[in-house]
Amino acid sequence: LLSQQPQPVTMLYELCQKDGKQVDIKHW
C-alpha cells in the first residue's frame, strides 16, 4: 500500500537526487 502511495516529499527528493538536481521548497 505504501508503494502505491509513496510519501510525496521523500519521493520528490529521491527523484531529483537520481538526476543530480537540487530541490528547494519555500514557504510563506
PDB file of all heavy atoms in Angstrom:
ATOM      1  N   LEU A   1       0.833  -1.205   0.000  1.00  0.00           N
ATOM      2  CA  LEU A   1       0.000   0.000   0.000  1.00  0.00           C
ATOM      3  C   LEU A   1       0.864   1.250   0.000  1.00  0.00           C
ATOM      4  O   LEU A   1       0.554   2.236  -0.685  1.00  0.00           O
ATOM      5  CB  LEU A   1      -0.934  -0.005   1.212  1.00  0.00           C
ATOM      6  CG  LEU A   1      -2.071  -1.028   1.179  1.00  0.00           C
ATOM      7  CD1 LEU A   1      -2.846  -1.007   2.489  1.00  0.00           C
ATOM      8  CD2 LEU A   1      -3.017  -0.746   0.011  1.00  0.00           C
ATOM      9  N   LEU A   2       1.947   1.243   0.755  1.00  0.00           N
ATOM     10  CA  LEU A   2       2.838   2.396   0.781  1.00  0.00           C
ATOM     11  C   LEU A   2       3.496   2.625  -0.576  1.00  0.00           C
ATOM     12  O   LEU A   2       3.714   3.763  -0.988  1.00  0.00           O
ATOM     13  CB  LEU A   2       3.910   2.219   1.852  1.00  0.00           C
ATOM     14  CG  LEU A   2       3.482   2.481   3.300  1.00  0.00           C
ATOM     15  CD1 LEU A   2       4.659   2.242   4.243  1.00  0.00           C
ATOM     16  CD2 LEU A   2       2.959   3.900   3.472  1.00  0.00           C
ATOM     17  N   SER A   3       3.802   1.540  -1.276  1.00  0.00           N
ATOM     18  CA  SER A   3       4.415   1.682  -2.597  1.00  0.00           C
ATOM     19  C   SER A   3       3.429   2.264  -3.604  1.00  0.00           C
ATOM     20  O   SER A   3       3.821   2.936  -4.556  1.00  0.00           O
ATOM     21  CB  SER A   3       4.929   0.323  -3.103  1.00  0.00           C
ATOM     22  OG  SER A   3       3.845  -0.561  -3.361  1.00  0.00           O
ATOM     23  N   GLN A   4       2.140   2.018  -3.379  1.00  0.00           N
ATOM     24  CA  GLN A   4       1.115   2.595  -4.245  1.00  0.00           C
ATOM     25  C   GLN A   4       0.877   4.066  -3.934  1.00  0.00           C
ATOM     26  O   GLN A   4       0.411   4.819  -4.779  1.00  0.00           O
ATOM     27  CB  GLN A   4      -0.200   1.823  -4.092  1.00  0.00           C
ATOM     28  CG  GLN A   4      -0.148   0.407  -4.611  1.00  0.00           C
ATOM     29  CD  GLN A   4      -1.427  -0.361  -4.306  1.00  0.00           C
ATOM     30  OE1 GLN A   4      -2.458   0.225  -4.002  1.00  0.00           O
ATOM     31  NE2 GLN A   4      -1.362  -1.675  -4.388  1.00  0.00           N
ATOM     32  N   GLN A   5       1.202   4.482  -2.719  1.00  0.00           N
ATOM     33  CA  GLN A   5       1.006   5.866  -2.322  1.00  0.00           C
ATOM     34  C   GLN A   5       2.235   6.341  -1.540  1.00  0.00           C
ATOM     35  O   GLN A   5       2.178   6.568  -0.339  1.00  0.00           O
ATOM     36  CB  GLN A   5      -0.265   5.991  -1.456  1.00  0.00           C
ATOM     37  CG  GLN A   5      -0.770   7.407  -1.328  1.00  0.00           C
ATOM     38  CD  GLN A   5      -2.014   7.504  -0.470  1.00  0.00           C
ATOM     39  OE1 GLN A   5      -2.061   8.313   0.437  1.00  0.00           O
ATOM     40  NE2 GLN A   5      -3.028   6.709  -0.743  1.00  0.00           N
ATOM     41  N   PRO A   6       3.382   6.452  -2.221  1.00  0.00           N
ATOM     42  CA  PRO A   6       4.621   6.829  -1.533  1.00  0.00           C
ATOM     43  C   PRO A   6       4.550   8.249  -0.986  1.00  0.00           C
ATOM     44  O   PRO A   6       3.767   9.072  -1.460  1.00  0.00           O
ATOM     45  CB  PRO A   6       5.680   6.713  -2.628  1.00  0.00           C
ATOM     46  CG  PRO A   6       4.929   6.860  -3.908  1.00  0.00           C
ATOM     47  CD  PRO A   6       3.576   6.267  -3.668  1.00  0.00           C
ATOM     48  N   GLN A   7       5.386   8.533   0.018  1.00  0.00           N
ATOM     49  CA  GLN A   7       5.427   9.870   0.609  1.00  0.00           C
ATOM     50  C   GLN A   7       5.924  10.858  -0.448  1.00  0.00           C
ATOM     51  O   GLN A   7       7.055  10.760  -0.933  1.00  0.00           O
ATOM     52  CB  GLN A   7       6.376   9.869   1.815  1.00  0.00           C
ATOM     53  CG  GLN A   7       5.939  10.764   2.948  1.00  0.00           C
ATOM     54  CD  GLN A   7       6.075  12.248   2.634  1.00  0.00           C
ATOM     55  OE1 GLN A   7       6.752  12.648   1.711  1.00  0.00           O
ATOM     56  NE2 GLN A   7       5.425  13.069   3.442  1.00  0.00           N
ATOM     57  N   PRO A   8       5.096  11.825  -0.851  1.00  0.00           N
ATOM     58  CA  PRO A   8       5.435  12.694  -1.995  1.00  0.00           C
ATOM     59  C   PRO A   8       6.717  13.510  -1.813  1.00  0.00           C
ATOM     60  O   PRO A   8       7.488  13.645  -2.760  1.00  0.00           O
ATOM     61  CB  PRO A   8       4.210  13.614  -2.102  1.00  0.00           C
ATOM     62  CG  PRO A   8       3.107  12.849  -1.476  1.00  0.00           C
ATOM     63  CD  PRO A   8       3.734  12.088  -0.356  1.00  0.00           C
ATOM     64  N   VAL A   9       6.937  14.054  -0.624  1.00  0.00           N
ATOM     65  CA  VAL A   9       8.123  14.887  -0.415  1.00  0.00           C
ATOM     66  C   VAL A   9       9.389  14.039  -0.543  1.00  0.00           C
ATOM     67  O   VAL A   9      10.345  14.409  -1.235  1.00  0.00           O
ATOM     68  CB  VAL A   9       8.074  15.584   0.954  1.00  0.00           C
ATOM     69  CG1 VAL A   9       9.337  16.413   1.186  1.00  0.00           C
ATOM     70  CG2 VAL A   9       6.838  16.486   1.051  1.00  0.00           C
ATOM     71  N   THR A  10       9.379  12.874   0.116  1.00  0.00           N
ATOM     72  CA  THR A  10      10.522  11.963   0.024  1.00  0.00           C
ATOM     73  C   THR A  10      10.752  11.524  -1.418  1.00  0.00           C
ATOM     74  O   THR A  10      11.890  11.486  -1.918  1.00  0.00           O
ATOM     75  CB  THR A  10      10.281  10.723   0.907  1.00  0.00           C
ATOM     76  OG1 THR A  10      10.068  11.139   2.250  1.00  0.00           O
ATOM     77  CG2 THR A  10      11.467   9.780   0.855  1.00  0.00           C
ATOM     78  N   MET A  11       9.659  11.194  -2.113  1.00  0.00           N
ATOM     79  CA  MET A  11       9.748  10.736  -3.491  1.00  0.00           C
ATOM     80  C   MET A  11      10.324  11.829  -4.396  1.00  0.00           C
ATOM     81  O   MET A  11      11.133  11.563  -5.296  1.00  0.00           O
ATOM     82  CB  MET A  11       8.357  10.328  -3.984  1.00  0.00           C
ATOM     83  CG  MET A  11       8.343   9.627  -5.320  1.00  0.00           C
ATOM     84  SD  MET A  11       6.660   9.112  -5.741  1.00  0.00           S
ATOM     85  CE  MET A  11       6.935   8.400  -7.370  1.00  0.00           C
ATOM     86  N   LEU A  12       9.911  13.083  -4.157  1.00  0.00           N
ATOM     87  CA  LEU A  12      10.408  14.207  -4.953  1.00  0.00           C
ATOM     88  C   LEU A  12      11.917  14.373  -4.778  1.00  0.00           C
ATOM     89  O   LEU A  12      12.659  14.527  -5.759  1.00  0.00           O
ATOM     90  CB  LEU A  12       9.676  15.491  -4.556  1.00  0.00           C
ATOM     91  CG  LEU A  12      10.146  16.770  -5.254  1.00  0.00           C
ATOM     92  CD1 LEU A  12       9.907  16.689  -6.760  1.00  0.00           C
ATOM     93  CD2 LEU A  12       9.420  17.988  -4.662  1.00  0.00           C
ATOM     94  N   TYR A  13      12.383  14.343  -3.538  1.00  0.00           N
ATOM     95  CA  TYR A  13      13.818  14.481  -3.281  1.00  0.00           C
ATOM     96  C   TYR A  13      14.609  13.333  -3.897  1.00  0.00           C
ATOM     97  O   TYR A  13      15.671  13.537  -4.500  1.00  0.00           O
ATOM     98  CB  TYR A  13      14.082  14.556  -1.772  1.00  0.00           C
ATOM     99  CG  TYR A  13      13.897  15.946  -1.200  1.00  0.00           C
ATOM    100  CD1 TYR A  13      12.697  16.331  -0.616  1.00  0.00           C
ATOM    101  CD2 TYR A  13      14.934  16.877  -1.247  1.00  0.00           C
ATOM    102  CE1 TYR A  13      12.518  17.604  -0.095  1.00  0.00           C
ATOM    103  CE2 TYR A  13      14.772  18.153  -0.722  1.00  0.00           C
ATOM    104  CZ  TYR A  13      13.568  18.514  -0.155  1.00  0.00           C
ATOM    105  OH  TYR A  13      13.404  19.779   0.359  1.00  0.00           O
ATOM    106  N   GLU A  14      14.094  12.099  -3.755  1.00  0.00           N
ATOM    107  CA  GLU A  14      14.796  10.942  -4.301  1.00  0.00           C
ATOM    108  C   GLU A  14      14.861  11.005  -5.827  1.00  0.00           C
ATOM    109  O   GLU A  14      15.894  10.690  -6.432  1.00  0.00           O
ATOM    110  CB  GLU A  14      14.101   9.655  -3.854  1.00  0.00           C
ATOM    111  CG  GLU A  14      14.276   9.340  -2.378  1.00  0.00           C
ATOM    112  CD  GLU A  14      13.529   8.090  -1.954  1.00  0.00           C
ATOM    113  OE1 GLU A  14      12.727   7.572  -2.775  1.00  0.00           O
ATOM    114  OE2 GLU A  14      13.747   7.622  -0.819  1.00  0.00           O
ATOM    115  N   LEU A  15      13.766  11.416  -6.455  1.00  0.00           N
ATOM    116  CA  LEU A  15      13.715  11.511  -7.908  1.00  0.00           C
ATOM    117  C   LEU A  15      14.738  12.517  -8.430  1.00  0.00           C
ATOM    118  O   LEU A  15      15.469  12.247  -9.391  1.00  0.00           O
ATOM    119  CB  LEU A  15      12.302  11.910  -8.353  1.00  0.00           C
ATOM    120  CG  LEU A  15      12.102  12.140  -9.861  1.00  0.00           C
ATOM    121  CD1 LEU A  15      12.245  10.820 -10.607  1.00  0.00           C
ATOM    122  CD2 LEU A  15      10.735  12.756 -10.133  1.00  0.00           C
ATOM    123  N   CYS A  16      14.797  13.675  -7.780  1.00  0.00           N
ATOM    124  CA  CYS A  16      15.709  14.718  -8.236  1.00  0.00           C
ATOM    125  C   CYS A  16      17.160  14.369  -7.930  1.00  0.00           C
ATOM    126  O   CYS A  16      18.064  14.691  -8.712  1.00  0.00           O
ATOM    127  CB  CYS A  16      15.331  16.052  -7.604  1.00  0.00           C
ATOM    128  SG  CYS A  16      13.763  16.714  -8.235  1.00  0.00           S
ATOM    129  N   GLN A  17      17.399  13.710  -6.803  1.00  0.00           N
ATOM    130  CA  GLN A  17      18.773  13.314  -6.461  1.00  0.00           C
ATOM    131  C   GLN A  17      19.331  12.336  -7.484  1.00  0.00           C
ATOM    132  O   GLN A  17      20.517  12.378  -7.816  1.00  0.00           O
ATOM    133  CB  GLN A  17      18.807  12.702  -5.063  1.00  0.00           C
ATOM    134  CG  GLN A  17      18.702  13.737  -3.945  1.00  0.00           C
ATOM    135  CD  GLN A  17      18.588  13.098  -2.571  1.00  0.00           C
ATOM    136  OE1 GLN A  17      18.516  11.879  -2.438  1.00  0.00           O
ATOM    137  NE2 GLN A  17      18.542  13.935  -1.535  1.00  0.00           N
ATOM    138  N   LYS A  18      18.481  11.446  -8.002  1.00  0.00           N
ATOM    139  CA  LYS A  18      18.926  10.493  -9.019  1.00  0.00           C
ATOM    140  C   LYS A  18      19.419  11.213 -10.280  1.00  0.00           C
ATOM    141  O   LYS A  18      20.314  10.731 -10.974  1.00  0.00           O
ATOM    142  CB  LYS A  18      17.782   9.541  -9.390  1.00  0.00           C
ATOM    143  CG  LYS A  18      17.483   8.501  -8.329  1.00  0.00           C
ATOM    144  CD  LYS A  18      16.336   7.615  -8.758  1.00  0.00           C
ATOM    145  CE  LYS A  18      16.009   6.573  -7.687  1.00  0.00           C
ATOM    146  NZ  LYS A  18      14.855   5.727  -8.081  1.00  0.00           N
ATOM    147  N   ASP A  19      18.803  12.365 -10.573  1.00  0.00           N
ATOM    148  CA  ASP A  19      19.190  13.141 -11.759  1.00  0.00           C
ATOM    149  C   ASP A  19      20.214  14.218 -11.422  1.00  0.00           C
ATOM    150  O   ASP A  19      20.519  15.079 -12.267  1.00  0.00           O
ATOM    151  CB  ASP A  19      17.947  13.789 -12.377  1.00  0.00           C
ATOM    152  CG  ASP A  19      16.965  12.763 -12.925  1.00  0.00           C
ATOM    153  OD1 ASP A  19      17.428  11.663 -13.290  1.00  0.00           O
ATOM    154  OD2 ASP A  19      15.759  13.051 -12.983  1.00  0.00           O
ATOM    155  N   GLY A  20      20.718  14.201 -10.186  1.00  0.00           N
ATOM    156  CA  GLY A  20      21.720  15.183  -9.785  1.00  0.00           C
ATOM    157  C   GLY A  20      21.166  16.587  -9.635  1.00  0.00           C
ATOM    158  O   GLY A  20      21.906  17.573  -9.765  1.00  0.00           O
ATOM    159  N   LYS A  21      19.867  16.698  -9.318  1.00  0.00           N
ATOM    160  CA  LYS A  21      19.231  18.007  -9.180  1.00  0.00           C
ATOM    161  C   LYS A  21      18.934  18.310  -7.720  1.00  0.00           C
ATOM    162  O   LYS A  21      18.752  17.397  -6.913  1.00  0.00           O
ATOM    163  CB  LYS A  21      17.942  18.059 -10.010  1.00  0.00           C
ATOM    164  CG  LYS A  21      18.169  17.879 -11.507  1.00  0.00           C
ATOM    165  CD  LYS A  21      16.860  17.900 -12.268  1.00  0.00           C
ATOM    166  CE  LYS A  21      17.113  17.736 -13.764  1.00  0.00           C
ATOM    167  NZ  LYS A  21      15.839  17.734 -14.548  1.00  0.00           N
ATOM    168  N   GLN A  22      18.874  19.596  -7.403  1.00  0.00           N
ATOM    169  CA  GLN A  22      18.636  20.032  -6.033  1.00  0.00           C
ATOM    170  C   GLN A  22      17.213  20.569  -5.884  1.00  0.00           C
ATOM    171  O   GLN A  22      16.749  21.371  -6.694  1.00  0.00           O
ATOM    172  CB  GLN A  22      19.637  21.114  -5.622  1.00  0.00           C
ATOM    173  CG  GLN A  22      19.492  21.550  -4.175  1.00  0.00           C
ATOM    174  CD  GLN A  22      20.571  22.528  -3.765  1.00  0.00           C
ATOM    175  OE1 GLN A  22      21.495  22.794  -4.519  1.00  0.00           O
ATOM    176  NE2 GLN A  22      20.457  23.075  -2.567  1.00  0.00           N
ATOM    177  N   VAL A  23      16.530  20.111  -4.833  1.00  0.00           N
ATOM    178  CA  VAL A  23      15.151  20.534  -4.560  1.00  0.00           C
ATOM    179  C   VAL A  23      15.140  21.532  -3.417  1.00  0.00           C
ATOM    180  O   VAL A  23      15.833  21.357  -2.410  1.00  0.00           O
ATOM    181  CB  VAL A  23      14.261  19.329  -4.190  1.00  0.00           C
ATOM    182  CG1 VAL A  23      12.844  19.791  -3.840  1.00  0.00           C
ATOM    183  CG2 VAL A  23      14.219  18.329  -5.326  1.00  0.00           C
ATOM    184  N   ASP A  24      14.343  22.567  -3.582  1.00  0.00           N
ATOM    185  CA  ASP A  24      14.160  23.547  -2.509  1.00  0.00           C
ATOM    186  C   ASP A  24      12.667  23.857  -2.420  1.00  0.00           C
ATOM    187  O   ASP A  24      12.036  24.204  -3.423  1.00  0.00           O
ATOM    188  CB  ASP A  24      14.949  24.823  -2.813  1.00  0.00           C
ATOM    189  CG  ASP A  24      14.916  25.808  -1.651  1.00  0.00           C
ATOM    190  OD1 ASP A  24      14.591  25.376  -0.524  1.00  0.00           O
ATOM    191  OD2 ASP A  24      15.198  27.000  -1.874  1.00  0.00           O
ATOM    192  N   ILE A  25      12.103  23.688  -1.231  1.00  0.00           N
ATOM    193  CA  ILE A  25      10.679  24.005  -1.023  1.00  0.00           C
ATOM    194  C   ILE A  25      10.591  25.207  -0.088  1.00  0.00           C
ATOM    195  O   ILE A  25      11.018  25.136   1.067  1.00  0.00           O
ATOM    196  CB  ILE A  25       9.911  22.802  -0.439  1.00  0.00           C
ATOM    197  CG1 ILE A  25      10.051  21.587  -1.361  1.00  0.00           C
ATOM    198  CG2 ILE A  25       8.431  23.154  -0.252  1.00  0.00           C
ATOM    199  CD1 ILE A  25       9.332  20.344  -0.852  1.00  0.00           C
ATOM    200  N   LYS A  26      10.059  26.298  -0.597  1.00  0.00           N
ATOM    201  CA  LYS A  26       9.968  27.542   0.164  1.00  0.00           C
ATOM    202  C   LYS A  26       8.535  27.770   0.641  1.00  0.00           C
ATOM    203  O   LYS A  26       7.579  27.439  -0.066  1.00  0.00           O
ATOM    204  CB  LYS A  26      10.435  28.722  -0.687  1.00  0.00           C
ATOM    205  CG  LYS A  26      11.897  28.603  -1.140  1.00  0.00           C
ATOM    206  CD  LYS A  26      12.318  29.790  -1.981  1.00  0.00           C
ATOM    207  CE  LYS A  26      13.776  29.661  -2.401  1.00  0.00           C
ATOM    208  NZ  LYS A  26      14.219  30.799  -3.238  1.00  0.00           N
ATOM    209  N   HIS A  27       8.412  28.350   1.833  1.00  0.00           N
ATOM    210  CA  HIS A  27       7.092  28.578   2.441  1.00  0.00           C
ATOM    211  C   HIS A  27       6.884  30.062   2.721  1.00  0.00           C
ATOM    212  O   HIS A  27       7.820  30.788   3.028  1.00  0.00           O
ATOM    213  CB  HIS A  27       6.977  27.824   3.772  1.00  0.00           C
ATOM    214  CG  HIS A  27       7.103  26.346   3.649  1.00  0.00           C
ATOM    215  ND1 HIS A  27       6.028  25.514   3.484  1.00  0.00           N
ATOM    216  CD2 HIS A  27       8.185  25.530   3.659  1.00  0.00           C
ATOM    217  CE1 HIS A  27       6.436  24.264   3.403  1.00  0.00           C
ATOM    218  NE2 HIS A  27       7.741  24.247   3.508  1.00  0.00           N
ATOM    219  N   TRP A  28       5.617  30.466   2.654  1.00  0.00           N
ATOM    220  CA  TRP A  28       5.237  31.772   3.197  1.00  0.00           C
ATOM    221  C   TRP A  28       3.752  31.744   3.517  1.00  0.00           C
ATOM    222  O   TRP A  28       3.011  30.871   3.063  1.00  0.00           O
ATOM    223  CB  TRP A  28       5.586  32.918   2.249  1.00  0.00           C
ATOM    224  CG  TRP A  28       4.739  33.040   1.018  1.00  0.00           C
ATOM    225  CD1 TRP A  28       3.608  33.760   0.850  1.00  0.00           C
ATOM    226  CD2 TRP A  28       5.006  32.424  -0.252  1.00  0.00           C
ATOM    227  NE1 TRP A  28       3.140  33.632  -0.422  1.00  0.00           N
ATOM    228  CE2 TRP A  28       3.974  32.843  -1.119  1.00  0.00           C
ATOM    229  CE3 TRP A  28       6.008  31.577  -0.732  1.00  0.00           C
ATOM    230  CZ2 TRP A  28       3.921  32.418  -2.442  1.00  0.00           C
ATOM    231  CZ3 TRP A  28       5.952  31.165  -2.047  1.00  0.00           C
ATOM    232  CH2 TRP A  28       4.923  31.586  -2.879  1.00  0.00           C
TER     233      TRP A  28
END
